[in-house]
């Protein structure tokens, strides 16, 4: 099976969401906690079959997904909260519970800041350091780090933030002076 599929391709009966739309909005207002199963997966998000609402189609959009998580797979059970209704295509917008638990910590970091992290990966281009949950930066092989041979995964490392690219979610680091 492809990484991506539409709900009808996975044996899920496409509901008559249009005729049930008024009732769906009434029983699933914004703020309602739901549970269900992923029945389709696309680059923009996942479609959900919502427990107890056979004519409702849920959609958890990728623009609400923390950068360190991945889309759930077809067949996976999920929980979440209704966050919007789309009248034009009769979809119930859902914020998945796992996504809501992750705060975007990248904005907390500032250029020039010195932080302590742990090395998560050693690559030919440099050393990747986890600064916080879902936040990693790269200490590239340059003047301050001429070789990766002196590092090991899991090692604690004091680094200084050199640049932050919020558009591409990248942090460039330099090893902090001891």
Protein backbone atom coordinates (compact mmCIF):
# COMPACT_ATOMS: atom_id res chain seq x y z
CA UNK A 1 0.00 0.00 0.00
CA UNK A 2 1.17 3.51 -0.79
CA UNK A 3 2.11 5.86 2.04
CA UNK A 4 -0.88 7.97 0.99
CA UNK A 5 -4.45 6.90 0.26
CA UNK A 6 -8.00 8.21 0.23
CA UNK A 7 -10.56 6.81 2.67
CA UNK A 8 -12.48 4.91 -0.04
CA UNK A 9 -9.29 3.11 -1.06
CA UNK A 10 -8.99 1.51 2.41
CA UNK A 11 -12.35 -0.23 2.49
CA UNK A 12 -14.05 2.58 4.40
CA UNK A 13 -17.59 3.34 3.25
CA UNK A 14 -17.72 6.97 2.24
CA UNK A 15 -20.57 8.46 4.28
CA UNK A 16 -23.34 10.75 3.09
CA UNK A 17 -21.81 13.60 5.07
CA UNK A 18 -23.87 16.27 3.30
CA UNK A 19 -27.29 14.96 4.39
CA UNK A 20 -26.07 14.43 7.97
CA UNK A 21 -24.14 17.72 8.19
CA UNK A 22 -26.59 19.70 10.36
CA UNK A 23 -26.77 16.86 12.89
CA UNK A 24 -22.99 16.35 12.80
CA UNK A 25 -22.33 20.02 13.66
CA UNK A 26 -24.96 19.85 16.42
CA UNK A 27 -23.51 16.77 18.15
CA UNK A 28 -19.84 17.58 17.49
CA UNK A 29 -19.48 21.27 18.39
CA UNK A 30 -16.04 22.88 18.64
CA UNK A 31 -14.39 21.64 21.82
CA UNK A 32 -15.90 18.13 21.69
CA UNK A 33 -13.43 15.34 22.49
CA UNK A 34 -13.52 12.53 19.94
CA UNK A 35 -11.90 9.18 19.26
CA UNK A 36 -11.66 7.38 15.98
CA UNK A 37 -9.61 5.58 13.40
CA UNK A 38 -7.42 6.92 10.61
CA UNK A 39 -9.08 5.87 7.34
CA UNK A 40 -7.05 7.92 4.85
CA UNK A 41 -3.68 9.65 4.74
CA UNK A 42 -2.61 12.49 2.45
CA UNK A 43 0.34 14.93 2.49
CA UNK A 44 -2.02 17.58 3.93
CA UNK A 45 -3.33 15.45 6.82
CA UNK A 46 -5.32 12.39 7.85
CA UNK A 47 -9.01 11.53 7.47
CA UNK A 48 -10.78 10.05 10.47
CA UNK A 49 -13.79 7.85 11.03
CA UNK A 50 -15.21 9.31 14.25
CA UNK A 51 -16.54 6.78 16.78
CA UNK A 52 -20.31 6.89 17.10
CA UNK A 53 -20.73 9.25 14.11
CA UNK A 54 -20.78 7.04 10.98
CA UNK A 55 -21.69 9.97 8.70
CA UNK A 56 -18.97 12.31 9.97
CA UNK A 57 -15.62 12.77 8.26
CA UNK A 58 -12.84 14.11 10.47
CA UNK A 59 -9.70 15.78 9.13
CA UNK A 60 -6.54 16.48 11.09
CA UNK A 61 -4.50 18.88 8.94
CA UNK A 62 -0.72 18.75 8.79
CA UNK A 63 -0.44 22.52 9.35
CA UNK A 64 -1.34 21.81 12.99
CA UNK A 65 1.20 18.99 13.39
CA UNK A 66 4.36 19.58 15.45
CA UNK A 67 7.49 19.37 13.31
CA UNK A 68 8.91 16.43 15.26
CA UNK A 69 5.92 14.14 14.83
CA UNK A 70 4.69 12.11 11.89
CA UNK A 71 1.23 11.56 10.48
CA UNK A 72 -0.53 8.59 12.05
CA UNK A 73 -0.95 5.58 9.79
CA UNK A 74 -4.14 4.15 8.30
CA UNK A 75 -5.84 1.95 10.89
CA UNK A 76 -4.28 3.75 13.86
CA UNK A 77 -6.62 4.74 16.71
CA UNK A 78 -6.43 8.42 17.67
CA UNK A 79 -8.10 10.89 20.00
CA UNK A 80 -8.54 14.59 19.62
CA UNK A 81 -10.74 17.64 19.86
CA UNK A 82 -13.04 19.26 17.31
CA UNK A 83 -11.54 22.65 16.34
CA UNK A 84 -13.58 23.70 13.27
CA UNK A 85 -16.29 22.74 10.80
CA UNK A 86 -15.96 23.10 7.02
CA UNK A 87 -19.43 23.62 5.56
CA UNK A 88 -18.22 23.56 1.94
CA UNK A 89 -16.97 19.95 2.12
CA UNK A 90 -18.70 18.71 5.30
CA UNK A 91 -15.54 17.98 7.28
CA UNK A 92 -14.98 18.16 11.00
CA UNK A 93 -11.55 19.62 11.79
CA UNK A 94 -9.71 17.79 14.55
CA UNK A 95 -6.62 18.62 16.58
CA UNK A 96 -5.11 15.28 17.50
CA UNK A 97 -4.41 14.85 21.21
CA UNK A 98 -0.80 13.84 20.63
CA UNK A 99 -0.23 17.01 18.60
CA UNK A 100 -1.88 19.28 21.16
CA UNK A 101 0.50 18.01 23.87
CA UNK A 102 3.56 19.33 22.00
CA UNK A 103 4.40 22.98 22.35
CA UNK A 104 6.52 24.56 19.63
CA UNK A 105 9.67 25.35 21.59
CA UNK A 106 11.68 26.84 18.70
CA UNK A 107 10.51 30.43 19.37
CA UNK A 108 11.98 30.23 22.89
CA UNK A 109 15.52 30.13 21.53
CA UNK A 110 17.52 33.24 20.60
CA UNK A 111 20.66 33.85 18.55
CA UNK A 112 23.65 34.13 20.88
CA UNK A 113 22.02 32.01 23.58
CA UNK A 114 24.18 29.28 25.13
CA UNK A 115 22.37 26.02 25.87
CA UNK A 116 23.30 22.50 26.88
CA UNK A 117 22.03 19.65 24.75
CA UNK A 118 22.76 16.04 23.91
CA UNK A 119 24.22 14.74 20.68
CA UNK A 120 21.62 12.73 18.76
CA UNK A 121 23.46 12.03 15.54
CA UNK A 122 26.96 12.28 14.14
CA UNK A 123 27.09 12.81 10.38
CA UNK A 124 29.66 13.71 7.77
CA UNK A 125 28.40 17.33 7.81
CA UNK A 126 28.60 17.75 11.58
CA UNK A 127 26.95 16.94 14.90
CA UNK A 128 23.20 17.16 15.59
CA UNK A 129 22.31 18.31 19.10
CA UNK A 130 18.86 18.03 20.77
CA UNK A 131 18.18 21.30 22.58
CA UNK A 132 14.62 20.49 23.71
CA UNK A 133 11.71 18.26 22.83
CA UNK A 134 11.33 18.54 19.03
CA UNK A 135 14.21 21.04 18.71
CA UNK A 136 17.56 20.00 17.23
CA UNK A 137 20.38 22.02 15.80
CA UNK A 138 23.50 21.33 13.79
CA UNK A 139 27.10 22.05 14.74
CA UNK A 140 28.64 21.91 11.25
CA UNK A 141 32.14 20.78 10.49
CA UNK A 142 33.91 24.15 10.40
CA UNK A 143 36.61 25.96 12.33
CA UNK A 144 35.22 25.19 15.81
CA UNK A 145 34.58 21.54 14.95
CA UNK A 146 37.17 20.18 12.57
CA UNK A 147 36.38 16.48 13.14
CA UNK A 148 33.45 14.50 14.51
CA UNK A 149 35.76 11.85 15.95
CA UNK A 150 35.84 13.57 19.36
CA UNK A 151 32.06 13.22 19.81
CA UNK A 152 29.69 10.36 20.67
CA UNK A 153 25.91 10.04 20.56
CA UNK A 154 24.29 10.88 23.89
CA UNK A 155 27.19 13.13 24.91
CA UNK A 156 26.22 16.37 26.64
CA UNK A 157 27.45 19.42 24.74
CA UNK A 158 27.35 23.13 25.47
CA UNK A 159 26.52 25.08 22.30
CA UNK A 160 25.79 28.63 21.24
CA UNK A 161 22.99 29.41 18.79
CA UNK A 162 24.51 31.02 15.70
CA UNK A 163 21.40 31.36 13.47
CA UNK A 164 17.73 30.38 13.54
CA UNK A 165 15.83 29.92 10.27
CA UNK A 166 12.16 29.90 11.32
CA UNK A 167 10.95 29.37 7.75
CA UNK A 168 12.89 26.11 7.35
CA UNK A 169 12.89 25.19 11.08
CA UNK A 170 16.67 25.01 11.26
CA UNK A 171 19.13 26.04 13.94
CA UNK A 172 22.85 26.42 13.30
CA UNK A 173 25.07 25.99 16.36
CA UNK A 174 28.68 26.46 17.36
CA UNK A 175 30.37 24.63 20.18
CA UNK A 176 30.47 26.95 23.21
CA UNK A 177 33.82 27.71 24.78
CA UNK A 178 34.39 25.61 27.94
